[in-house]
Protein backbone atom coordinates (compact mmCIF):
# COMPACT_ATOMS: atom_id res chain seq x y z
CA MET A 1 0.00 0.00 0.00
CA ILE A 2 1.26 3.47 -0.94
CA ALA A 3 0.84 6.57 1.21
CA ILE A 4 0.82 10.00 -0.45
CA VAL A 5 1.90 12.58 2.12
CA ASP A 6 -0.65 15.36 2.54
CA TYR A 7 1.06 18.46 3.92
CA ASN A 8 -0.95 20.97 1.87
CA MET A 9 1.82 21.50 -0.70
CA GLY A 10 1.06 19.21 -3.63
CA ASN A 11 -1.43 18.26 -6.30
CA LEU A 12 -2.49 15.12 -4.47
CA ALA A 13 -5.47 14.24 -6.65
CA SER A 14 -3.34 14.13 -9.81
CA VAL A 15 -0.79 11.84 -8.19
CA GLN A 16 -3.47 9.56 -6.80
CA ASN A 17 -5.22 9.44 -10.18
CA ALA A 18 -1.94 8.46 -11.82
CA PHE A 19 -1.60 5.48 -9.49
CA ALA A 20 -5.20 4.54 -10.20
CA LYS A 21 -4.43 4.50 -13.93
CA ILE A 22 -1.77 1.83 -13.41
CA GLY A 23 -4.02 -0.17 -11.11
CA ALA A 24 -2.16 0.67 -7.90
CA LYS A 25 -3.97 1.59 -4.70
CA SER A 26 -2.76 4.71 -2.93
CA VAL A 27 -4.09 6.63 0.05
CA VAL A 28 -3.66 10.32 0.87
CA VAL A 29 -2.38 10.43 4.46
CA SER A 30 -2.27 13.51 6.67
CA ASP A 31 -1.60 11.76 10.01
CA PRO A 32 2.15 11.05 10.36
CA LYS A 33 1.45 8.35 12.96
CA LYS A 34 -0.12 6.29 10.18
CA PHE A 35 2.88 6.39 7.82
CA ARG A 36 4.25 3.19 9.38
CA GLU A 37 1.14 1.31 8.23
CA TYR A 38 2.21 1.66 4.59
CA ASP A 39 4.84 -0.06 2.43
CA LYS A 40 5.87 2.94 0.32
CA LEU A 41 5.72 6.71 0.67
CA ILE A 42 5.24 9.43 -1.94
CA LEU A 43 6.34 12.96 -1.03
CA PRO A 44 4.82 15.30 -3.63
CA GLY A 45 5.31 19.05 -3.69
CA VAL A 46 4.43 22.26 -5.49
CA GLY A 47 5.57 25.66 -4.22
CA ALA A 48 8.46 27.04 -2.19
CA PHE A 49 10.95 24.99 -0.16
CA PRO A 50 10.73 26.96 3.14
CA ASP A 51 6.93 26.88 3.10
CA ALA A 52 6.99 23.14 2.51
CA MET A 53 9.37 22.48 5.41
CA GLU A 54 7.25 24.67 7.67
CA HIS A 55 4.12 22.72 6.73
CA LEU A 56 5.90 19.43 7.43
CA ARG A 57 7.11 20.78 10.76
CA GLU A 58 3.66 22.03 11.79
CA ARG A 59 2.18 18.60 11.04
CA ASN A 60 4.92 16.69 12.92
CA MET A 61 5.85 14.88 9.71
CA ILE A 62 9.61 15.44 9.58
CA GLU A 63 10.59 12.77 12.10
CA ALA A 64 7.91 10.41 10.78
CA ILE A 65 9.36 10.62 7.26
CA LYS A 66 12.90 10.10 8.58
CA GLU A 67 11.77 7.08 10.59
CA PHE A 68 10.06 5.63 7.51
CA ALA A 69 13.30 6.00 5.55
CA ALA A 70 15.34 4.49 8.39
CA GLU A 71 13.18 1.36 8.21
CA GLY A 72 14.38 0.83 4.64
CA LYS A 73 10.99 1.36 3.03
CA PRO A 74 10.94 3.05 -0.41
CA ILE A 75 10.30 6.80 -0.56
CA LEU A 76 9.80 8.76 -3.79
CA GLY A 77 9.96 12.56 -3.78
CA ILE A 78 8.35 14.33 -6.73
CA CYS A 79 9.41 17.82 -7.89
CA LEU A 80 9.62 19.96 -4.73
CA GLY A 81 9.24 16.69 -2.81
CA MET A 82 12.55 15.52 -4.27
CA GLN A 83 14.26 18.77 -3.26
CA LEU A 84 13.00 18.37 0.32
CA LEU A 85 14.98 15.12 0.61
CA PHE A 86 18.23 17.13 0.56
CA GLU A 87 20.13 18.79 3.38
CA SER A 88 19.47 22.41 2.43
CA SER A 89 18.02 24.83 -0.09
CA GLN A 90 18.95 28.37 -1.12
CA GLU A 91 15.35 29.23 -2.00
CA PHE A 92 14.39 32.42 -0.10
CA GLY A 93 17.39 32.14 2.22
CA ASP A 94 19.25 29.20 3.72
CA ASN A 95 16.78 26.48 4.63
CA GLU A 96 17.29 23.10 6.26
CA GLY A 97 15.79 20.09 4.47
CA LEU A 98 15.08 16.52 5.52
CA GLY A 99 18.73 15.51 5.04
CA LEU A 100 17.98 12.05 3.64
CA ILE A 101 20.30 12.66 0.69
CA LYS A 102 23.54 14.63 0.98
CA GLY A 103 23.58 17.78 -1.12
CA LYS A 104 21.77 21.05 -1.64
CA VAL A 105 19.18 22.83 -3.76
CA ILE A 106 20.27 25.87 -5.77
CA ALA A 107 18.73 28.29 -8.26
CA PHE A 108 19.40 27.89 -11.95
CA ASP A 109 22.50 29.86 -12.90
CA THR A 110 20.97 32.05 -15.61
CA SER A 111 24.41 33.50 -16.47
CA LYS A 112 24.96 30.22 -18.34
CA PHE A 113 21.69 30.56 -20.29
CA SER A 114 21.12 31.78 -23.80
CA GLU A 115 18.62 34.63 -24.17
CA ALA A 116 15.99 32.15 -25.34
CA LEU A 117 15.93 30.29 -21.99
CA LYS A 118 13.87 31.50 -19.07
CA VAL A 119 13.24 30.46 -15.48
CA PRO A 120 11.23 28.50 -14.50
CA HIS A 121 12.26 25.54 -16.59
CA MET A 122 8.81 24.53 -17.79
CA GLY A 123 7.67 21.95 -20.32
CA TRP A 124 8.89 18.70 -21.83
CA ASN A 125 12.56 17.77 -21.64
CA ARG A 126 14.64 14.65 -21.93
CA MET A 127 16.13 12.79 -18.98
CA PHE A 128 19.38 10.89 -19.47
CA THR A 129 19.32 8.04 -16.98
CA LYS A 130 21.60 5.53 -15.34
CA GLU A 131 20.46 1.95 -14.93
CA HIS A 132 18.01 1.89 -12.06
CA PRO A 133 14.79 -0.02 -11.30
CA LEU A 134 12.79 3.24 -11.55
CA PHE A 135 13.62 3.50 -15.25
CA LEU A 136 12.88 -0.02 -16.47
CA GLY A 137 10.92 -0.11 -19.70
CA LEU A 138 11.00 3.61 -20.52
CA ASP A 139 11.23 4.84 -24.09
CA GLU A 140 14.84 5.11 -25.30
CA GLU A 141 14.47 8.91 -25.52
CA HIS A 142 12.17 9.53 -22.62
CA TYR A 143 10.77 13.01 -22.27
CA LEU A 144 9.12 14.13 -19.04
CA TYR A 145 7.29 17.26 -17.90
CA PHE A 146 9.17 19.80 -15.76
CA VAL A 147 8.17 22.93 -13.82
CA HIS A 148 10.88 24.30 -11.50
CA SER A 149 13.25 27.21 -10.84
CA TYR A 150 15.70 25.37 -8.55
CA HIS A 151 17.61 22.12 -8.96
CA VAL A 152 19.53 19.74 -6.74
CA VAL A 153 23.28 19.23 -6.48
CA CYS A 154 24.32 15.86 -5.02
CA GLU A 155 27.33 15.73 -2.72
CA ASN A 156 27.89 12.15 -3.91
CA GLU A 157 27.65 11.86 -7.68
CA ALA A 158 26.63 8.21 -7.32
CA ASP A 159 23.28 9.44 -5.95
CA ALA A 160 22.50 11.19 -9.26
CA ILE A 161 20.67 8.68 -11.48
CA GLY A 162 19.16 11.10 -13.99
CA LYS A 163 20.43 14.22 -15.78
CA THR A 164 18.66 16.83 -17.90
CA ILE A 165 20.01 19.74 -19.95
CA TYR A 166 18.51 23.20 -19.61
CA GLY A 167 21.18 25.83 -20.20
CA TYR A 168 23.55 23.30 -18.68
CA GLU A 169 23.35 19.77 -17.30
CA PHE A 170 21.67 19.36 -13.93
CA THR A 171 20.58 16.41 -11.80
CA SER A 172 16.93 15.53 -12.37
CA ALA A 173 16.65 12.16 -10.59
CA VAL A 174 18.31 10.80 -7.47
CA ALA A 175 18.51 7.61 -5.45
CA HIS A 176 20.29 6.78 -2.22
CA LYS A 177 19.39 3.26 -1.15
CA ASN A 178 15.60 3.31 -0.53
CA VAL A 179 15.24 7.10 -0.88
CA MET A 180 14.52 8.29 -4.44
CA GLY A 181 13.39 11.45 -6.16
CA ILE A 182 12.55 12.83 -9.58
CA GLN A 183 12.35 16.50 -10.54
CA PRO A 184 9.74 16.14 -13.32
CA HIS A 185 6.09 15.39 -12.64
CA PRO A 186 5.35 11.74 -13.53
CA GLU A 187 1.62 12.37 -13.17
CA LYS A 188 1.88 14.90 -16.03
CA SER A 189 4.33 12.91 -18.16
CA HIS A 190 1.98 10.47 -19.89
CA LYS A 191 3.29 6.96 -20.61
CA ASN A 192 6.84 7.42 -19.34
CA GLY A 193 5.71 9.09 -16.13
CA LEU A 194 3.21 6.33 -15.41
CA LYS A 195 5.91 3.75 -16.08
CA ILE A 196 8.16 5.34 -13.45
CA LEU A 197 5.32 5.16 -10.92
CA GLU A 198 4.63 1.55 -11.90
CA ASN A 199 8.31 0.72 -11.39
CA PHE A 200 8.20 2.35 -7.96
CA VAL A 201 5.16 0.23 -7.06
CA ASN A 202 7.07 -2.88 -8.11
CA LEU A 203 10.22 -2.19 -6.06
């Protein structure tokens, strides 16, 4: 059974509908005490990093998520949810994250952009992936849907399992043991996005 964390910072219905499309049962969970009842955890997210951490803190979810990870159960962060897995973010100041993956979240360096590129990075883009169970069966050139102004930087390059180019190459998917994250929205990415969710279900 999959729990989708409800901390008032994500499009929960879209994520839940995506799981329904692949025949997987998921439950939106707002009580952190119930996380332990589930096999897998989805941490979605839309909005700003500091707001998201504050919402998690107010709902006593931070320790519950860390405990879930410590038990070795699979966690998947989506978009902002992936960024929250990291130690810190530069978005609106210096903010502490969940610290489940070593590294930080930084703004796109627009000095490296051509005039044609704008922030946020929004729309379809290709992800270049390493071999990982999340990516089994994807199209050879798999395009996914992105909407973000910040990206992650892994302290350990081995944790970066997907890269995307927008002005320059950045990390767009991560995995450290049972903790995983993808920057694009699988629920908006049609066949390839649904396949990633299906692979997560099958871990």
